[in-house]
């Protein structure tokens, strides 16, 4: 799993039928201190995340494990919204 911050929303009227009704968000993968490691990835959302939210993303085949994502062509799914990260300095 990876940390990310939601930076945008993707909309499209023409897409594979399996993505119909799926919320697609633009996310920036970050490290635990908030430094952007990879900007501009697209992830499906099953948690109701919104702009600016800090989230956990399941990637690869694990992205299709939540029941809402079974059979959906995705390799990144938001599976949690984070309230706080505490680091041991």
PDB file of N, CA and C in Angstrom:
ATOM      1  N   UNK A   1       0.846  -1.175   0.000  1.00  0.00           N
ATOM      2  CA  UNK A   1       0.000   0.000   0.000  1.00  0.00           C
ATOM      3  C   UNK A   1       0.889   1.235   0.000  1.00  0.00           C
ATOM      4  N   UNK A   2       0.323   2.328  -0.491  1.00  0.00           N
ATOM      5  CA  UNK A   2       1.068   3.571  -0.624  1.00  0.00           C
ATOM      6  C   UNK A   2       0.261   4.733  -0.059  1.00  0.00           C
ATOM      7  N   UNK A   3       0.980   5.763   0.388  1.00  0.00           N
ATOM      8  CA  UNK A   3       0.351   7.006   0.816  1.00  0.00           C
ATOM      9  C   UNK A   3       0.193   7.929  -0.380  1.00  0.00           C
ATOM     10  N   UNK A   4      -0.886   8.713  -0.381  1.00  0.00           N
ATOM     11  CA  UNK A   4      -1.095   9.678  -1.466  1.00  0.00           C
ATOM     12  C   UNK A   4      -1.969  10.819  -0.967  1.00  0.00           C
ATOM     13  N   UNK A   5      -1.938  11.913  -1.710  1.00  0.00           N
ATOM     14  CA  UNK A   5      -2.824  13.039  -1.450  1.00  0.00           C
ATOM     15  C   UNK A   5      -3.652  13.251  -2.710  1.00  0.00           C
ATOM     16  N   UNK A   6      -4.969  13.428  -2.537  1.00  0.00           N
ATOM     17  CA  UNK A   6      -5.867  13.645  -3.676  1.00  0.00           C
ATOM     18  C   UNK A   6      -5.656  15.064  -4.200  1.00  0.00           C
ATOM     19  N   UNK A   7      -5.383  15.165  -5.501  1.00  0.00           N
ATOM     20  CA  UNK A   7      -5.113  16.474  -6.098  1.00  0.00           C
ATOM     21  C   UNK A   7      -6.096  16.857  -7.200  1.00  0.00           C
ATOM     22  N   UNK A   8      -7.014  15.952  -7.556  1.00  0.00           N
ATOM     23  CA  UNK A   8      -7.962  16.301  -8.607  1.00  0.00           C
ATOM     24  C   UNK A   8      -8.980  15.210  -8.867  1.00  0.00           C
ATOM     25  N   UNK A   9      -9.845  15.480  -9.816  1.00  0.00           N
ATOM     26  CA  UNK A   9     -10.936  14.583 -10.204  1.00  0.00           C
ATOM     27  C   UNK A   9     -10.856  14.330 -11.700  1.00  0.00           C
ATOM     28  N   UNK A  10     -11.114  13.099 -12.106  1.00  0.00           N
ATOM     29  CA  UNK A  10     -11.128  12.742 -13.523  1.00  0.00           C
ATOM     30  C   UNK A  10     -12.567  12.451 -13.926  1.00  0.00           C
ATOM     31  N   UNK A  11     -13.027  13.079 -14.997  1.00  0.00           N
ATOM     32  CA  UNK A  11     -14.350  12.769 -15.529  1.00  0.00           C
ATOM     33  C   UNK A  11     -14.210  12.403 -16.991  1.00  0.00           C
ATOM     34  N   UNK A  12     -15.072  11.531 -17.448  1.00  0.00           N
ATOM     35  CA  UNK A  12     -15.064  11.126 -18.848  1.00  0.00           C
ATOM     36  C   UNK A  12     -16.386  10.478 -19.202  1.00  0.00           C
ATOM     37  N   UNK A  13     -16.918  10.821 -20.350  1.00  0.00           N
ATOM     38  CA  UNK A  13     -18.205  10.266 -20.757  1.00  0.00           C
ATOM     39  C   UNK A  13     -18.054   8.954 -21.512  1.00  0.00           C
ATOM     40  N   UNK A  14     -16.889   8.731 -22.100  1.00  0.00           N
ATOM     41  CA  UNK A  14     -16.660   7.489 -22.829  1.00  0.00           C
ATOM     42  C   UNK A  14     -15.571   6.711 -22.104  1.00  0.00           C
ATOM     43  N   UNK A  15     -15.942   5.526 -21.607  1.00  0.00           N
ATOM     44  CA  UNK A  15     -15.002   4.661 -20.897  1.00  0.00           C
ATOM     45  C   UNK A  15     -15.535   3.243 -20.928  1.00  0.00           C
ATOM     46  N   UNK A  16     -14.703   2.297 -20.554  1.00  0.00           N
ATOM     47  CA  UNK A  16     -15.162   0.914 -20.492  1.00  0.00           C
ATOM     48  C   UNK A  16     -16.350   0.806 -19.540  1.00  0.00           C
ATOM     49  N   UNK A  17     -17.298  -0.033 -19.867  1.00  0.00           N
ATOM     50  CA  UNK A  17     -18.513  -0.172 -19.072  1.00  0.00           C
ATOM     51  C   UNK A  17     -18.258  -0.515 -17.619  1.00  0.00           C
ATOM     52  N   UNK A  18     -17.163  -1.213 -17.336  1.00  0.00           N
ATOM     53  CA  UNK A  18     -16.856  -1.600 -15.959  1.00  0.00           C
ATOM     54  C   UNK A  18     -16.503  -0.397 -15.093  1.00  0.00           C
ATOM     55  N   UNK A  19     -16.094   0.720 -15.710  1.00  0.00           N
ATOM     56  CA  UNK A  19     -15.763   1.924 -14.950  1.00  0.00           C
ATOM     57  C   UNK A  19     -16.958   2.853 -14.760  1.00  0.00           C
ATOM     58  N   UNK A  20     -18.089   2.523 -15.395  1.00  0.00           N
ATOM     59  CA  UNK A  20     -19.286   3.339 -15.226  1.00  0.00           C
ATOM     60  C   UNK A  20     -19.677   3.370 -13.750  1.00  0.00           C
ATOM     61  N   UNK A  21     -19.850   4.560 -13.222  1.00  0.00           N
ATOM     62  CA  UNK A  21     -20.226   4.732 -11.825  1.00  0.00           C
ATOM     63  C   UNK A  21     -19.053   4.752 -10.862  1.00  0.00           C
ATOM     64  N   UNK A  22     -17.852   4.531 -11.362  1.00  0.00           N
ATOM     65  CA  UNK A  22     -16.674   4.560 -10.503  1.00  0.00           C
ATOM     66  C   UNK A  22     -16.121   5.978 -10.423  1.00  0.00           C
ATOM     67  N   UNK A  23     -15.774   6.424  -9.221  1.00  0.00           N
ATOM     68  CA  UNK A  23     -15.176   7.737  -9.014  1.00  0.00           C
ATOM     69  C   UNK A  23     -13.677   7.607  -9.258  1.00  0.00           C
ATOM     70  N   UNK A  24     -13.138   8.428 -10.149  1.00  0.00           N
ATOM     71  CA  UNK A  24     -11.720   8.424 -10.478  1.00  0.00           C
ATOM     72  C   UNK A  24     -11.090   9.720  -9.989  1.00  0.00           C
ATOM     73  N   UNK A  25     -10.021   9.589  -9.209  1.00  0.00           N
ATOM     74  CA  UNK A  25      -9.360  10.757  -8.644  1.00  0.00           C
ATOM     75  C   UNK A  25      -7.897  10.807  -9.069  1.00  0.00           C
ATOM     76  N   UNK A  26      -7.382  12.017  -9.234  1.00  0.00           N
ATOM     77  CA  UNK A  26      -5.958  12.217  -9.469  1.00  0.00           C
ATOM     78  C   UNK A  26      -5.291  12.256  -8.093  1.00  0.00           C
ATOM     79  N   UNK A  27      -4.220  11.482  -7.942  1.00  0.00           N
ATOM     80  CA  UNK A  27      -3.501  11.436  -6.669  1.00  0.00           C
ATOM     81  C   UNK A  27      -2.012  11.632  -6.907  1.00  0.00           C
ATOM     82  N   UNK A  28      -1.362  12.170  -5.889  1.00  0.00           N
ATOM     83  CA  UNK A  28       0.092  12.293  -5.891  1.00  0.00           C
ATOM     84  C   UNK A  28       0.618  11.362  -4.801  1.00  0.00           C
ATOM     85  N   UNK A  29       1.407  10.366  -5.185  1.00  0.00           N
ATOM     86  CA  UNK A  29       2.009   9.473  -4.198  1.00  0.00           C
ATOM     87  C   UNK A  29       3.043  10.266  -3.412  1.00  0.00           C
ATOM     88  N   UNK A  30       3.041  10.080  -2.087  1.00  0.00           N
ATOM     89  CA  UNK A  30       3.914  10.861  -1.210  1.00  0.00           C
ATOM     90  C   UNK A  30       4.645   9.942  -0.231  1.00  0.00           C
ATOM     91  N   UNK A  31       5.677  10.492   0.413  1.00  0.00           N
ATOM     92  CA  UNK A  31       6.298   9.760   1.512  1.00  0.00           C
ATOM     93  C   UNK A  31       5.592  10.173   2.801  1.00  0.00           C
ATOM     94  N   UNK A  32       6.016   9.621   3.938  1.00  0.00           N
ATOM     95  CA  UNK A  32       5.339   9.871   5.215  1.00  0.00           C
ATOM     96  C   UNK A  32       5.427  11.325   5.662  1.00  0.00           C
ATOM     97  N   UNK A  33       6.383  12.084   5.108  1.00  0.00           N
ATOM     98  CA  UNK A  33       6.530  13.495   5.466  1.00  0.00           C
ATOM     99  C   UNK A  33       5.802  14.412   4.490  1.00  0.00           C
ATOM    100  N   UNK A  34       5.166  13.836   3.473  1.00  0.00           N
ATOM    101  CA  UNK A  34       4.384  14.626   2.533  1.00  0.00           C
ATOM    102  C   UNK A  34       5.097  15.011   1.254  1.00  0.00           C
ATOM    103  N   UNK A  35       6.342  14.581   1.075  1.00  0.00           N
ATOM    104  CA  UNK A  35       7.086  14.885  -0.154  1.00  0.00           C
ATOM    105  C   UNK A  35       6.516  14.070  -1.319  1.00  0.00           C
ATOM    106  N   UNK A  36       6.224  14.745  -2.428  1.00  0.00           N
ATOM    107  CA  UNK A  36       5.662  14.065  -3.598  1.00  0.00           C
ATOM    108  C   UNK A  36       6.724  13.178  -4.238  1.00  0.00           C
ATOM    109  N   UNK A  37       6.381  11.898  -4.396  1.00  0.00           N
ATOM    110  CA  UNK A  37       7.264  10.931  -5.030  1.00  0.00           C
ATOM    111  C   UNK A  37       6.867  10.681  -6.481  1.00  0.00           C
ATOM    112  N   UNK A  38       5.560  10.724  -6.733  1.00  0.00           N
ATOM    113  CA  UNK A  38       5.028  10.526  -8.086  1.00  0.00           C
ATOM    114  C   UNK A  38       3.737  11.317  -8.203  1.00  0.00           C
ATOM    115  N   UNK A  39       3.709  12.240  -9.127  1.00  0.00           N
ATOM    116  CA  UNK A  39       2.529  13.097  -9.288  1.00  0.00           C
ATOM    117  C   UNK A  39       1.655  12.604 -10.435  1.00  0.00           C
ATOM    118  N   UNK A  40       0.364  12.832 -10.295  1.00  0.00           N
ATOM    119  CA  UNK A  40      -0.557  12.648 -11.407  1.00  0.00           C
ATOM    120  C   UNK A  40      -1.010  11.238 -11.704  1.00  0.00           C
ATOM    121  N   UNK A  41      -1.068  10.360 -10.728  1.00  0.00           N
ATOM    122  CA  UNK A  41      -1.614   9.024 -10.941  1.00  0.00           C
ATOM    123  C   UNK A  41      -3.140   9.091 -10.825  1.00  0.00           C
ATOM    124  N   UNK A  42      -3.820   8.117 -11.397  1.00  0.00           N
ATOM    125  CA  UNK A  42      -5.281   8.039 -11.298  1.00  0.00           C
ATOM    126  C   UNK A  42      -5.636   6.811 -10.475  1.00  0.00           C
ATOM    127  N   UNK A  43      -6.542   6.992  -9.520  1.00  0.00           N
ATOM    128  CA  UNK A  43      -6.978   5.889  -8.658  1.00  0.00           C
ATOM    129  C   UNK A  43      -8.498   5.872  -8.572  1.00  0.00           C
ATOM    130  N   UNK A  44      -9.068   4.674  -8.496  1.00  0.00           N
ATOM    131  CA  UNK A  44     -10.491   4.550  -8.217  1.00  0.00           C
ATOM    132  C   UNK A  44     -10.693   4.764  -6.720  1.00  0.00           C
ATOM    133  N   UNK A  45     -11.904   5.154  -6.339  1.00  0.00           N
ATOM    134  CA  UNK A  45     -12.163   5.505  -4.941  1.00  0.00           C
ATOM    135  C   UNK A  45     -13.369   4.746  -4.414  1.00  0.00           C
ATOM    136  N   UNK A  46     -13.185   4.027  -3.310  1.00  0.00           N
ATOM    137  CA  UNK A  46     -14.304   3.327  -2.663  1.00  0.00           C
ATOM    138  C   UNK A  46     -14.606   3.902  -1.290  1.00  0.00           C
ATOM    139  N   UNK A  47     -13.922   4.998  -0.919  1.00  0.00           N
ATOM    140  CA  UNK A  47     -14.050   5.552   0.438  1.00  0.00           C
ATOM    141  C   UNK A  47     -14.719   6.924   0.493  1.00  0.00           C
ATOM    142  N   UNK A  48     -14.948   7.548  -0.635  1.00  0.00           N
ATOM    143  CA  UNK A  48     -15.535   8.881  -0.624  1.00  0.00           C
ATOM    144  C   UNK A  48     -14.510   9.978  -0.386  1.00  0.00           C
ATOM    145  N   UNK A  49     -13.285   9.765  -0.822  1.00  0.00           N
ATOM    146  CA  UNK A  49     -12.226  10.763  -0.653  1.00  0.00           C
ATOM    147  C   UNK A  49     -12.513  11.993  -1.503  1.00  0.00           C
ATOM    148  N   UNK A  50     -11.901  13.105  -1.100  1.00  0.00           N
ATOM    149  CA  UNK A  50     -12.077  14.346  -1.840  1.00  0.00           C
ATOM    150  C   UNK A  50     -10.774  15.109  -1.945  1.00  0.00           C
ATOM    151  N   UNK A  51     -10.819  16.247  -2.617  1.00  0.00           N
ATOM    152  CA  UNK A  51      -9.641  17.068  -2.869  1.00  0.00           C
ATOM    153  C   UNK A  51      -8.891  17.372  -1.569  1.00  0.00           C
ATOM    154  N   UNK A  52      -7.587  17.119  -1.568  1.00  0.00           N
ATOM    155  CA  UNK A  52      -6.751  17.410  -0.425  1.00  0.00           C
ATOM    156  C   UNK A  52      -6.650  16.301   0.606  1.00  0.00           C
ATOM    157  N   UNK A  53      -7.506  15.289   0.512  1.00  0.00           N
ATOM    158  CA  UNK A  53      -7.468  14.200   1.493  1.00  0.00           C
ATOM    159  C   UNK A  53      -6.178  13.399   1.383  1.00  0.00           C
ATOM    160  N   UNK A  54      -5.672  12.969   2.523  1.00  0.00           N
ATOM    161  CA  UNK A  54      -4.552  12.053   2.605  1.00  0.00           C
ATOM    162  C   UNK A  54      -5.146  10.655   2.631  1.00  0.00           C
ATOM    163  N   UNK A  55      -4.664   9.773   1.757  1.00  0.00           N
ATOM    164  CA  UNK A  55      -5.298   8.467   1.591  1.00  0.00           C
ATOM    165  C   UNK A  55      -4.268   7.346   1.537  1.00  0.00           C
ATOM    166  N   UNK A  56      -4.761   6.121   1.731  1.00  0.00           N
ATOM    167  CA  UNK A  56      -3.974   4.912   1.511  1.00  0.00           C
ATOM    168  C   UNK A  56      -4.488   4.279   0.229  1.00  0.00           C
ATOM    169  N   UNK A  57      -3.556   3.864  -0.623  1.00  0.00           N
ATOM    170  CA  UNK A  57      -3.922   3.280  -1.913  1.00  0.00           C
ATOM    171  C   UNK A  57      -3.367   1.873  -2.019  1.00  0.00           C
ATOM    172  N   UNK A  58      -4.231   0.928  -2.353  1.00  0.00           N
ATOM    173  CA  UNK A  58      -3.800  -0.429  -2.690  1.00  0.00           C
ATOM    174  C   UNK A  58      -3.468  -0.415  -4.175  1.00  0.00           C
ATOM    175  N   UNK A  59      -2.348  -1.033  -4.525  1.00  0.00           N
ATOM    176  CA  UNK A  59      -1.915  -1.022  -5.923  1.00  0.00           C
ATOM    177  C   UNK A  59      -1.770  -2.445  -6.453  1.00  0.00           C
ATOM    178  N   UNK A  60      -1.631  -2.541  -7.761  1.00  0.00           N
ATOM    179  CA  UNK A  60      -1.477  -3.840  -8.404  1.00  0.00           C
ATOM    180  C   UNK A  60      -2.747  -4.668  -8.272  1.00  0.00           C
ATOM    181  N   UNK A  61      -2.587  -5.993  -8.205  1.00  0.00           N
ATOM    182  CA  UNK A  61      -3.765  -6.869  -8.128  1.00  0.00           C
ATOM    183  C   UNK A  61      -4.553  -6.649  -6.846  1.00  0.00           C
ATOM    184  N   UNK A  62      -3.910  -6.152  -5.775  1.00  0.00           N
ATOM    185  CA  UNK A  62      -4.614  -5.864  -4.516  1.00  0.00           C
ATOM    186  C   UNK A  62      -5.643  -4.754  -4.692  1.00  0.00           C
ATOM    187  N   UNK A  63      -5.490  -3.919  -5.710  1.00  0.00           N
ATOM    188  CA  UNK A  63      -6.439  -2.831  -5.958  1.00  0.00           C
ATOM    189  C   UNK A  63      -7.813  -3.352  -6.361  1.00  0.00           C
ATOM    190  N   UNK A  64      -7.883  -4.597  -6.801  1.00  0.00           N
ATOM    191  CA  UNK A  64      -9.163  -5.180  -7.218  1.00  0.00           C
ATOM    192  C   UNK A  64      -9.774  -6.085  -6.148  1.00  0.00           C
ATOM    193  N   UNK A  65      -9.173  -6.136  -4.956  1.00  0.00           N
ATOM    194  CA  UNK A  65      -9.688  -7.003  -3.894  1.00  0.00           C
ATOM    195  C   UNK A  65     -10.913  -6.462  -3.163  1.00  0.00           C
ATOM    196  N   UNK A  66     -11.043  -5.139  -2.945  1.00  0.00           N
ATOM    197  CA  UNK A  66     -12.282  -4.686  -2.302  1.00  0.00           C
ATOM    198  C   UNK A  66     -13.495  -5.136  -3.137  1.00  0.00           C
ATOM    199  N   UNK A  67     -14.551  -5.572  -2.462  1.00  0.00           N
ATOM    200  CA  UNK A  67     -15.700  -6.140  -3.185  1.00  0.00           C
ATOM    201  C   UNK A  67     -16.260  -5.188  -4.239  1.00  0.00           C
ATOM    202  N   UNK A  68     -16.174  -3.880  -3.991  1.00  0.00           N
ATOM    203  CA  UNK A  68     -16.686  -2.906  -4.961  1.00  0.00           C
ATOM    204  C   UNK A  68     -15.855  -2.876  -6.243  1.00  0.00           C
ATOM    205  N   UNK A  69     -14.641  -3.427  -6.201  1.00  0.00           N
ATOM    206  CA  UNK A  69     -13.734  -3.335  -7.334  1.00  0.00           C
ATOM    207  C   UNK A  69     -13.572  -4.653  -8.084  1.00  0.00           C
ATOM    208  N   UNK A  70     -14.271  -5.702  -7.679  1.00  0.00           N
ATOM    209  CA  UNK A  70     -14.140  -7.001  -8.339  1.00  0.00           C
ATOM    210  C   UNK A  70     -14.430  -6.866  -9.832  1.00  0.00           C
ATOM    211  N   UNK A  71     -13.471  -7.276 -10.638  1.00  0.00           N
ATOM    212  CA  UNK A  71     -13.643  -7.242 -12.089  1.00  0.00           C
ATOM    213  C   UNK A  71     -13.432  -5.884 -12.729  1.00  0.00           C
ATOM    214  N   UNK A  72     -13.071  -4.869 -11.961  1.00  0.00           N
ATOM    215  CA  UNK A  72     -12.856  -3.523 -12.491  1.00  0.00           C
ATOM    216  C   UNK A  72     -11.402  -3.398 -12.961  1.00  0.00           C
ATOM    217  N   UNK A  73     -11.166  -2.830 -14.139  1.00  0.00           N
ATOM    218  CA  UNK A  73      -9.792  -2.680 -14.632  1.00  0.00           C
ATOM    219  C   UNK A  73      -9.077  -1.513 -13.962  1.00  0.00           C
ATOM    220  N   UNK A  74      -8.513  -1.758 -12.783  1.00  0.00           N
ATOM    221  CA  UNK A  74      -7.788  -0.729 -12.058  1.00  0.00           C
ATOM    222  C   UNK A  74      -6.533  -1.324 -11.435  1.00  0.00           C
ATOM    223  N   UNK A  75      -5.518  -0.509 -11.277  1.00  0.00           N
ATOM    224  CA  UNK A  75      -4.329  -0.961 -10.560  1.00  0.00           C
ATOM    225  C   UNK A  75      -4.001  -0.037  -9.392  1.00  0.00           C
ATOM    226  N   UNK A  76      -4.958   0.856  -9.043  1.00  0.00           N
ATOM    227  CA  UNK A  76      -4.801   1.727  -7.875  1.00  0.00           C
ATOM    228  C   UNK A  76      -6.187   2.060  -7.325  1.00  0.00           C
ATOM    229  N   UNK A  77      -6.440   1.687  -6.073  1.00  0.00           N
ATOM    230  CA  UNK A  77      -7.733   1.951  -5.435  1.00  0.00           C
ATOM    231  C   UNK A  77      -7.519   2.578  -4.068  1.00  0.00           C
ATOM    232  N   UNK A  78      -8.227   3.679  -3.808  1.00  0.00           N
ATOM    233  CA  UNK A  78      -8.187   4.313  -2.502  1.00  0.00           C
ATOM    234  C   UNK A  78      -8.985   3.435  -1.542  1.00  0.00           C
ATOM    235  N   UNK A  79      -8.306   2.942  -0.484  1.00  0.00           N
ATOM    236  CA  UNK A  79      -8.953   2.022   0.447  1.00  0.00           C
ATOM    237  C   UNK A  79      -9.103   2.599   1.850  1.00  0.00           C
ATOM    238  N   UNK A  80      -8.532   3.786   2.106  1.00  0.00           N
ATOM    239  CA  UNK A  80      -8.674   4.417   3.421  1.00  0.00           C
ATOM    240  C   UNK A  80      -8.387   5.906   3.310  1.00  0.00           C
ATOM    241  N   UNK A  81      -9.076   6.684   4.141  1.00  0.00           N
ATOM    242  CA  UNK A  81      -8.790   8.113   4.295  1.00  0.00           C
ATOM    243  C   UNK A  81      -8.080   8.259   5.637  1.00  0.00           C
ATOM    244  N   UNK A  82      -6.930   8.910   5.616  1.00  0.00           N
ATOM    245  CA  UNK A  82      -6.096   9.026   6.817  1.00  0.00           C
ATOM    246  C   UNK A  82      -6.444  10.295   7.585  1.00  0.00           C
ATOM    247  N   UNK A  83      -6.596  10.151   8.891  1.00  0.00           N
ATOM    248  CA  UNK A  83      -6.823  11.298   9.764  1.00  0.00           C
ATOM    249  C   UNK A  83      -5.507  11.915  10.217  1.00  0.00           C
ATOM    250  N   UNK A  84      -4.521  11.062  10.512  1.00  0.00           N
ATOM    251  CA  UNK A  84      -3.268  11.573  11.068  1.00  0.00           C
ATOM    252  C   UNK A  84      -2.162  10.559  10.874  1.00  0.00           C
ATOM    253  N   UNK A  85      -0.948  11.054  10.661  1.00  0.00           N
ATOM    254  CA  UNK A  85       0.246  10.221  10.628  1.00  0.00           C
ATOM    255  C   UNK A  85       1.177  10.721  11.727  1.00  0.00           C
ATOM    256  N   UNK A  86       1.621   9.818  12.587  1.00  0.00           N
ATOM    257  CA  UNK A  86       2.589  10.165  13.621  1.00  0.00           C
ATOM    258  C   UNK A  86       3.889   9.450  13.310  1.00  0.00           C
ATOM    259  N   UNK A  87       4.971  10.210  13.254  1.00  0.00           N
ATOM    260  CA  UNK A  87       6.276   9.641  12.961  1.00  0.00           C
ATOM    261  C   UNK A  87       7.159   9.702  14.196  1.00  0.00           C
ATOM    262  N   UNK A  88       7.954   8.669  14.404  1.00  0.00           N
ATOM    263  CA  UNK A  88       8.936   8.664  15.471  1.00  0.00           C
ATOM    264  C   UNK A  88      10.181   9.350  14.940  1.00  0.00           C
ATOM    265  N   UNK A  89      10.498  10.502  15.471  1.00  0.00           N
ATOM    266  CA  UNK A  89      11.636  11.269  14.953  1.00  0.00           C
ATOM    267  C   UNK A  89      12.871  10.682  15.492  1.00  0.00           C
TER     268      UNK A  89
END
